[in-house]
PDB file of N, CA and C in Angstrom:
ATOM      1  N   MET A   1     -23.291   8.527  48.894  1.00  0.00           N
ATOM      2  CA  MET A   1     -23.025   9.947  48.616  1.00  0.00           C
ATOM      3  C   MET A   1     -24.306  10.604  48.762  1.00  0.00           C
ATOM      4  N   SER A   2     -23.988  11.728  49.967  1.00  0.00           N
ATOM      5  CA  SER A   2     -25.193  12.649  49.770  1.00  0.00           C
ATOM      6  C   SER A   2     -24.706  13.832  48.505  1.00  0.00           C
ATOM      7  N   ASP A   3     -25.848  14.686  48.499  1.00  0.00           N
ATOM      8  CA  ASP A   3     -25.885  15.555  47.747  1.00  0.00           C
ATOM      9  C   ASP A   3     -24.629  16.812  47.717  1.00  0.00           C
ATOM     10  N   ASN A   4     -24.044  16.770  48.758  1.00  0.00           N
ATOM     11  CA  ASN A   4     -23.112  17.478  49.891  1.00  0.00           C
ATOM     12  C   ASN A   4     -21.600  17.090  49.556  1.00  0.00           C
ATOM     13  N   GLU A   5     -21.591  15.626  49.093  1.00  0.00           N
ATOM     14  CA  GLU A   5     -20.335  15.069  48.806  1.00  0.00           C
ATOM     15  C   GLU A   5     -19.722  14.973  47.786  1.00  0.00           C
ATOM     16  N   ILE A   6     -18.708  15.420  47.345  1.00  0.00           N
ATOM     17  CA  ILE A   6     -18.250  15.115  45.751  1.00  0.00           C
ATOM     18  C   ILE A   6     -16.847  14.408  46.069  1.00  0.00           C
ATOM     19  N   GLU A   7     -16.665  13.493  45.186  1.00  0.00           N
ATOM     20  CA  GLU A   7     -15.659  12.242  45.335  1.00  0.00           C
ATOM     21  C   GLU A   7     -14.627  12.402  44.399  1.00  0.00           C
ATOM     22  N   ASP A   8     -13.195  12.259  44.543  1.00  0.00           N
ATOM     23  CA  ASP A   8     -12.475  11.942  44.047  1.00  0.00           C
ATOM     24  C   ASP A   8     -12.684  10.719  42.774  1.00  0.00           C
ATOM     25  N   LYS A   9     -11.385  10.569  42.044  1.00  0.00           N
ATOM     26  CA  LYS A   9     -11.872   9.470  41.118  1.00  0.00           C
ATOM     27  C   LYS A   9     -11.338   8.080  41.811  1.00  0.00           C
ATOM     28  N   HIS A  10     -11.181   8.014  42.970  1.00  0.00           N
ATOM     29  CA  HIS A  10     -10.903   6.591  44.142  1.00  0.00           C
ATOM     30  C   HIS A  10     -12.290   6.931  44.702  1.00  0.00           C
ATOM     31  N   GLY A  11     -13.212   7.750  44.857  1.00  0.00           N
ATOM     32  CA  GLY A  11     -14.367   7.485  45.960  1.00  0.00           C
ATOM     33  C   GLY A  11     -14.023   8.395  46.453  1.00  0.00           C
ATOM     34  N   ASN A  12     -12.788   8.812  46.930  1.00  0.00           N
ATOM     35  CA  ASN A  12     -12.740   9.693  48.407  1.00  0.00           C
ATOM     36  C   ASN A  12     -13.162  10.979  48.155  1.00  0.00           C
ATOM     37  N   ILE A  13     -13.913  11.146  49.558  1.00  0.00           N
ATOM     38  CA  ILE A  13     -14.534  12.771  49.592  1.00  0.00           C
ATOM     39  C   ILE A  13     -13.688  14.297  50.017  1.00  0.00           C
ATOM     40  N   ILE A  14     -14.015  14.651  48.678  1.00  0.00           N
ATOM     41  CA  ILE A  14     -13.189  16.217  48.558  1.00  0.00           C
ATOM     42  C   ILE A  14     -13.624  16.834  49.422  1.00  0.00           C
ATOM     43  N   HIS A  15     -12.752  17.634  50.257  1.00  0.00           N
ATOM     44  CA  HIS A  15     -13.178  18.920  51.108  1.00  0.00           C
ATOM     45  C   HIS A  15     -12.465  20.170  50.498  1.00  0.00           C
ATOM     46  N   GLN A  16     -12.938  20.911  51.011  1.00  0.00           N
ATOM     47  CA  GLN A  16     -12.371  22.606  51.279  1.00  0.00           C
ATOM     48  C   GLN A  16     -11.224  22.245  51.708  1.00  0.00           C
ATOM     49  N   GLY A  17      -9.707  22.855  50.614  1.00  0.00           N
ATOM     50  CA  GLY A  17      -8.593  22.618  51.984  1.00  0.00           C
ATOM     51  C   GLY A  17      -7.447  21.567  51.161  1.00  0.00           C
ATOM     52  N   ASP A  18      -8.462  20.272  50.816  1.00  0.00           N
ATOM     53  CA  ASP A  18      -7.605  19.361  50.183  1.00  0.00           C
ATOM     54  C   ASP A  18      -6.702  19.865  48.853  1.00  0.00           C
ATOM     55  N   TYR A  19      -5.546  18.793  49.085  1.00  0.00           N
ATOM     56  CA  TYR A  19      -4.608  19.059  48.368  1.00  0.00           C
ATOM     57  C   TYR A  19      -4.777  17.955  46.804  1.00  0.00           C
ATOM     58  N   VAL A  20      -5.509  18.511  45.624  1.00  0.00           N
ATOM     59  CA  VAL A  20      -6.153  17.933  44.552  1.00  0.00           C
ATOM     60  C   VAL A  20      -4.807  17.900  43.204  1.00  0.00           C
ATOM     61  N   ALA A  21      -4.574  16.804  42.776  1.00  0.00           N
ATOM     62  CA  ALA A  21      -3.833  16.766  41.542  1.00  0.00           C
ATOM     63  C   ALA A  21      -4.732  16.449  40.139  1.00  0.00           C
ATOM     64  N   THR A  22      -4.499  16.974  39.033  1.00  0.00           N
ATOM     65  CA  THR A  22      -4.810  15.629  37.908  1.00  0.00           C
ATOM     66  C   THR A  22      -3.987  15.697  36.839  1.00  0.00           C
ATOM     67  N   ARG A  23      -3.658  15.039  35.887  1.00  0.00           N
ATOM     68  CA  ARG A  23      -2.455  15.084  35.028  1.00  0.00           C
ATOM     69  C   ARG A  23      -3.750  15.966  33.907  1.00  0.00           C
ATOM     70  N   ILE A  24      -3.092  16.861  33.291  1.00  0.00           N
ATOM     71  CA  ILE A  24      -3.158  17.272  32.023  1.00  0.00           C
ATOM     72  C   ILE A  24      -2.237  17.912  30.846  1.00  0.00           C
ATOM     73  N   ARG A  25      -2.600  17.276  29.846  1.00  0.00           N
ATOM     74  CA  ARG A  25      -1.440  17.391  28.598  1.00  0.00           C
ATOM     75  C   ARG A  25      -0.255  17.783  29.022  1.00  0.00           C
ATOM     76  N   GLY A  26       0.238  16.475  29.364  1.00  0.00           N
ATOM     77  CA  GLY A  26       1.539  15.876  29.824  1.00  0.00           C
ATOM     78  C   GLY A  26       2.194  16.843  31.008  1.00  0.00           C
ATOM     79  N   GLY A  27       1.180  17.271  31.352  1.00  0.00           N
ATOM     80  CA  GLY A  27       1.457  18.082  33.166  1.00  0.00           C
ATOM     81  C   GLY A  27       0.593  17.735  34.315  1.00  0.00           C
ATOM     82  N   THR A  28       0.520  18.271  35.041  1.00  0.00           N
ATOM     83  CA  THR A  28      -0.325  18.390  36.254  1.00  0.00           C
ATOM     84  C   THR A  28      -0.849  19.525  36.386  1.00  0.00           C
ATOM     85  N   HIS A  29      -2.090  20.054  37.053  1.00  0.00           N
ATOM     86  CA  HIS A  29      -2.766  20.852  37.321  1.00  0.00           C
ATOM     87  C   HIS A  29      -2.853  20.278  38.968  1.00  0.00           C
ATOM     88  N   GLU A  30      -2.527  21.296  40.096  1.00  0.00           N
ATOM     89  CA  GLU A  30      -2.635  20.678  41.349  1.00  0.00           C
ATOM     90  C   GLU A  30      -2.451  21.778  42.487  1.00  0.00           C
ATOM     91  N   GLY A  31      -3.406  21.819  43.453  1.00  0.00           N
ATOM     92  CA  GLY A  31      -3.364  22.861  44.567  1.00  0.00           C
ATOM     93  C   GLY A  31      -4.416  22.479  45.642  1.00  0.00           C
ATOM     94  N   ASN A  32      -4.877  23.220  46.456  1.00  0.00           N
ATOM     95  CA  ASN A  32      -5.178  23.405  47.657  1.00  0.00           C
ATOM     96  C   ASN A  32      -7.065  23.428  46.784  1.00  0.00           C
ATOM     97  N   VAL A  33      -7.664  22.689  46.943  1.00  0.00           N
ATOM     98  CA  VAL A  33      -9.209  23.134  47.053  1.00  0.00           C
ATOM     99  C   VAL A  33      -9.712  24.657  47.905  1.00  0.00           C
ATOM    100  N   GLU A  34      -9.911  25.579  46.707  1.00  0.00           N
ATOM    101  CA  GLU A  34     -10.652  26.857  47.399  1.00  0.00           C
ATOM    102  C   GLU A  34     -12.308  26.708  47.764  1.00  0.00           C
ATOM    103  N   GLU A  35     -12.829  25.919  46.421  1.00  0.00           N
ATOM    104  CA  GLU A  35     -14.438  25.650  46.191  1.00  0.00           C
ATOM    105  C   GLU A  35     -14.508  24.825  45.716  1.00  0.00           C
ATOM    106  N   ILE A  36     -15.996  24.179  46.234  1.00  0.00           N
ATOM    107  CA  ILE A  36     -16.579  23.087  45.522  1.00  0.00           C
ATOM    108  C   ILE A  36     -17.855  24.123  44.441  1.00  0.00           C
ATOM    109  N   ILE A  37     -18.130  23.949  43.381  1.00  0.00           N
ATOM    110  CA  ILE A  37     -18.978  24.405  42.871  1.00  0.00           C
ATOM    111  C   ILE A  37     -20.548  23.304  42.494  1.00  0.00           C
ATOM    112  N   THR A  38     -21.161  23.520  42.702  1.00  0.00           N
ATOM    113  CA  THR A  38     -22.156  22.480  43.276  1.00  0.00           C
ATOM    114  C   THR A  38     -23.455  23.047  42.231  1.00  0.00           C
ATOM    115  N   ASP A  39     -23.775  24.455  42.357  1.00  0.00           N
ATOM    116  CA  ASP A  39     -25.124  24.934  41.689  1.00  0.00           C
ATOM    117  C   ASP A  39     -24.822  25.906  40.472  1.00  0.00           C
ATOM    118  N   GLN A  40     -25.834  25.313  39.696  1.00  0.00           N
ATOM    119  CA  GLN A  40     -25.640  26.268  38.418  1.00  0.00           C
ATOM    120  C   GLN A  40     -25.373  27.929  38.820  1.00  0.00           C
ATOM    121  N   GLN A  41     -25.944  28.642  39.823  1.00  0.00           N
ATOM    122  CA  GLN A  41     -26.242  29.774  39.811  1.00  0.00           C
ATOM    123  C   GLN A  41     -24.512  30.184  39.847  1.00  0.00           C
ATOM    124  N   ARG A  42     -23.758  29.282  41.157  1.00  0.00           N
ATOM    125  CA  ARG A  42     -22.414  29.805  41.333  1.00  0.00           C
ATOM    126  C   ARG A  42     -21.936  29.828  40.272  1.00  0.00           C
ATOM    127  N   ALA A  43     -21.762  28.295  39.462  1.00  0.00           N
ATOM    128  CA  ALA A  43     -20.949  28.199  37.908  1.00  0.00           C
ATOM    129  C   ALA A  43     -21.077  29.137  37.462  1.00  0.00           C
ATOM    130  N   ASP A  44     -22.400  30.027  36.770  1.00  0.00           N
ATOM    131  CA  ASP A  44     -22.232  31.293  36.107  1.00  0.00           C
ATOM    132  C   ASP A  44     -22.091  32.549  36.477  1.00  0.00           C
ATOM    133  N   GLU A  45     -21.657  32.517  37.676  1.00  0.00           N
ATOM    134  CA  GLU A  45     -20.841  34.189  38.493  1.00  0.00           C
ATOM    135  C   GLU A  45     -19.448  33.741  37.785  1.00  0.00           C
ATOM    136  N   LEU A  46     -19.142  32.529  38.229  1.00  0.00           N
ATOM    137  CA  LEU A  46     -17.712  32.029  37.459  1.00  0.00           C
ATOM    138  C   LEU A  46     -17.245  31.623  36.437  1.00  0.00           C
ATOM    139  N   ASN A  47     -17.975  31.733  35.672  1.00  0.00           N
ATOM    140  CA  ASN A  47     -17.565  31.024  33.914  1.00  0.00           C
ATOM    141  C   ASN A  47     -17.597  29.886  34.007  1.00  0.00           C
ATOM    142  N   VAL A  48     -18.336  29.057  34.835  1.00  0.00           N
ATOM    143  CA  VAL A  48     -17.858  27.726  34.881  1.00  0.00           C
ATOM    144  C   VAL A  48     -19.090  26.814  34.392  1.00  0.00           C
ATOM    145  N   ARG A  49     -18.751  25.673  33.668  1.00  0.00           N
ATOM    146  CA  ARG A  49     -19.661  25.199  32.802  1.00  0.00           C
ATOM    147  C   ARG A  49     -20.098  24.016  33.686  1.00  0.00           C
ATOM    148  N   ASN A  50     -20.842  23.238  33.505  1.00  0.00           N
ATOM    149  CA  ASN A  50     -21.223  21.739  33.704  1.00  0.00           C
ATOM    150  C   ASN A  50     -21.182  21.413  35.363  1.00  0.00           C
ATOM    151  N   PRO A  51     -21.854  22.344  36.430  1.00  0.00           N
ATOM    152  CA  PRO A  51     -21.102  21.580  37.706  1.00  0.00           C
ATOM    153  C   PRO A  51     -21.763  20.245  38.353  1.00  0.00           C
ATOM    154  N   PRO A  52     -21.098  19.435  38.976  1.00  0.00           N
ATOM    155  CA  PRO A  52     -19.964  20.156  39.890  1.00  0.00           C
ATOM    156  C   PRO A  52     -18.647  19.987  38.843  1.00  0.00           C
ATOM    157  N   LYS A  53     -18.162  21.126  40.087  1.00  0.00           N
ATOM    158  CA  LYS A  53     -16.403  21.542  39.798  1.00  0.00           C
ATOM    159  C   LYS A  53     -15.697  21.782  41.131  1.00  0.00           C
ATOM    160  N   VAL A  54     -14.520  21.393  41.070  1.00  0.00           N
ATOM    161  CA  VAL A  54     -13.663  21.348  42.258  1.00  0.00           C
ATOM    162  C   VAL A  54     -12.688  22.824  41.466  1.00  0.00           C
ATOM    163  N   ARG A  55     -12.905  23.787  42.308  1.00  0.00           N
ATOM    164  CA  ARG A  55     -11.830  25.114  41.885  1.00  0.00           C
ATOM    165  C   ARG A  55     -10.482  24.974  42.670  1.00  0.00           C
ATOM    166  N   PHE A  56      -9.316  25.187  42.241  1.00  0.00           N
ATOM    167  CA  PHE A  56      -8.360  25.851  43.134  1.00  0.00           C
ATOM    168  C   PHE A  56      -7.290  26.237  42.115  1.00  0.00           C
ATOM    169  N   GLU A  57      -6.379  27.096  42.813  1.00  0.00           N
ATOM    170  CA  GLU A  57      -5.192  27.626  42.446  1.00  0.00           C
ATOM    171  C   GLU A  57      -4.202  26.740  42.166  1.00  0.00           C
ATOM    172  N   ASN A  58      -3.710  26.772  40.586  1.00  0.00           N
ATOM    173  CA  ASN A  58      -2.707  25.940  40.055  1.00  0.00           C
ATOM    174  C   ASN A  58      -1.146  26.543  40.476  1.00  0.00           C
ATOM    175  N   LYS A  59      -0.781  25.480  39.901  1.00  0.00           N
ATOM    176  CA  LYS A  59       1.229  26.212  40.582  1.00  0.00           C
ATOM    177  C   LYS A  59       1.615  27.476  40.031  1.00  0.00           C
ATOM    178  N   ASN A  60       0.847  27.780  38.755  1.00  0.00           N
ATOM    179  CA  ASN A  60       0.965  28.974  38.124  1.00  0.00           C
ATOM    180  C   ASN A  60       0.299  30.140  38.571  1.00  0.00           C
ATOM    181  N   GLY A  61      -0.652  29.990  39.470  1.00  0.00           N
ATOM    182  CA  GLY A  61      -1.313  30.958  40.281  1.00  0.00           C
ATOM    183  C   GLY A  61      -2.783  31.294  39.361  1.00  0.00           C
ATOM    184  N   LYS A  62      -3.174  30.457  38.536  1.00  0.00           N
ATOM    185  CA  LYS A  62      -4.767  30.663  37.647  1.00  0.00           C
ATOM    186  C   LYS A  62      -5.327  30.063  38.476  1.00  0.00           C
ATOM    187  N   MET A  63      -6.683  30.180  38.302  1.00  0.00           N
ATOM    188  CA  MET A  63      -7.814  29.538  38.982  1.00  0.00           C
ATOM    189  C   MET A  63      -8.007  28.465  38.009  1.00  0.00           C
ATOM    190  N   VAL A  64      -8.273  27.360  38.218  1.00  0.00           N
ATOM    191  CA  VAL A  64      -8.549  26.087  37.842  1.00  0.00           C
ATOM    192  C   VAL A  64     -10.049  25.172  37.873  1.00  0.00           C
ATOM    193  N   ALA A  65     -10.533  24.805  37.315  1.00  0.00           N
ATOM    194  CA  ALA A  65     -11.831  23.971  37.549  1.00  0.00           C
ATOM    195  C   ALA A  65     -11.876  22.764  37.091  1.00  0.00           C
ATOM    196  N   HIS A  66     -11.972  21.692  37.728  1.00  0.00           N
ATOM    197  CA  HIS A  66     -11.955  20.625  37.262  1.00  0.00           C
ATOM    198  C   HIS A  66     -13.170  19.603  37.599  1.00  0.00           C
ATOM    199  N   ASN A  67     -13.065  18.645  36.725  1.00  0.00           N
ATOM    200  CA  ASN A  67     -14.639  17.838  37.434  1.00  0.00           C
ATOM    201  C   ASN A  67     -13.768  16.857  38.192  1.00  0.00           C
ATOM    202  N   PRO A  68     -14.721  16.587  39.363  1.00  0.00           N
ATOM    203  CA  PRO A  68     -14.098  16.029  40.767  1.00  0.00           C
ATOM    204  C   PRO A  68     -13.916  14.363  40.552  1.00  0.00           C
ATOM    205  N   GLY A  69     -14.176  14.153  38.909  1.00  0.00           N
ATOM    206  CA  GLY A  69     -13.967  12.532  39.087  1.00  0.00           C
ATOM    207  C   GLY A  69     -12.692  12.155  38.415  1.00  0.00           C
ATOM    208  N   THR A  70     -12.078  13.847  38.007  1.00  0.00           N
ATOM    209  CA  THR A  70     -10.630  13.441  37.353  1.00  0.00           C
ATOM    210  C   THR A  70      -9.270  13.750  37.922  1.00  0.00           C
ATOM    211  N   LEU A  71     -10.110  13.885  39.725  1.00  0.00           N
ATOM    212  CA  LEU A  71      -9.182  14.298  40.453  1.00  0.00           C
ATOM    213  C   LEU A  71      -8.427  13.432  41.414  1.00  0.00           C
ATOM    214  N   GLU A  72      -7.424  13.501  42.244  1.00  0.00           N
ATOM    215  CA  GLU A  72      -6.975  12.580  42.998  1.00  0.00           C
ATOM    216  C   GLU A  72      -6.332  13.475  44.400  1.00  0.00           C
ATOM    217  N   ILE A  73      -7.012  13.359  45.196  1.00  0.00           N
ATOM    218  CA  ILE A  73      -6.434  13.935  46.866  1.00  0.00           C
ATOM    219  C   ILE A  73      -5.112  13.268  47.238  1.00  0.00           C
ATOM    220  N   ASP A  74      -4.371  14.162  47.583  1.00  0.00           N
ATOM    221  CA  ASP A  74      -3.058  13.913  48.039  1.00  0.00           C
ATOM    222  C   ASP A  74      -3.075  14.401  49.217  1.00  0.00           C
ATOM    223  N   ASN A  75      -3.059  13.187  50.254  1.00  0.00           N
ATOM    224  CA  ASN A  75      -3.043  13.599  51.823  1.00  0.00           C
ATOM    225  C   ASN A  75      -2.136  14.259  52.233  1.00  0.00           C
ATOM    226  N   ASP A  76      -0.661  13.922  51.498  1.00  0.00           N
ATOM    227  CA  ASP A  76       0.314  14.066  52.390  1.00  0.00           C
ATOM    228  C   ASP A  76       0.455  15.781  52.393  1.00  0.00           C
ATOM    229  N   LYS A  77      -0.359  16.413  51.064  1.00  0.00           N
ATOM    230  CA  LYS A  77       0.354  17.535  51.087  1.00  0.00           C
ATOM    231  C   LYS A  77      -1.157  18.183  51.611  1.00  0.00           C
ATOM    232  N   THR A  78      -1.989  17.856  51.926  1.00  0.00           N
ATOM    233  CA  THR A  78      -3.388  18.605  52.263  1.00  0.00           C
ATOM    234  C   THR A  78      -2.900  19.370  53.349  1.00  0.00           C
ATOM    235  N   GLU A  79      -3.258  20.656  53.619  1.00  0.00           N
ATOM    236  CA  GLU A  79      -3.441  21.327  54.705  1.00  0.00           C
ATOM    237  C   GLU A  79      -4.137  20.946  56.047  1.00  0.00           C
TER     238      GLU A  79
END
């Protein structure tokens, strides 16, 4: 894995546009990856802690950022 390759919990490389999902509080957060945050400066701009984070809009229209290791790529829904 190079510095620019962020992996999901199964070791698949996450790219912008991939459809990702994670279980959270009895439900799921899922959506298409809009940004992969790898540097602290960008994280500070977005008030995101502890990069790397994968940022996407969930089904409720809210932008969320998750640790890549908690996500799964759903290739059937990727754009």
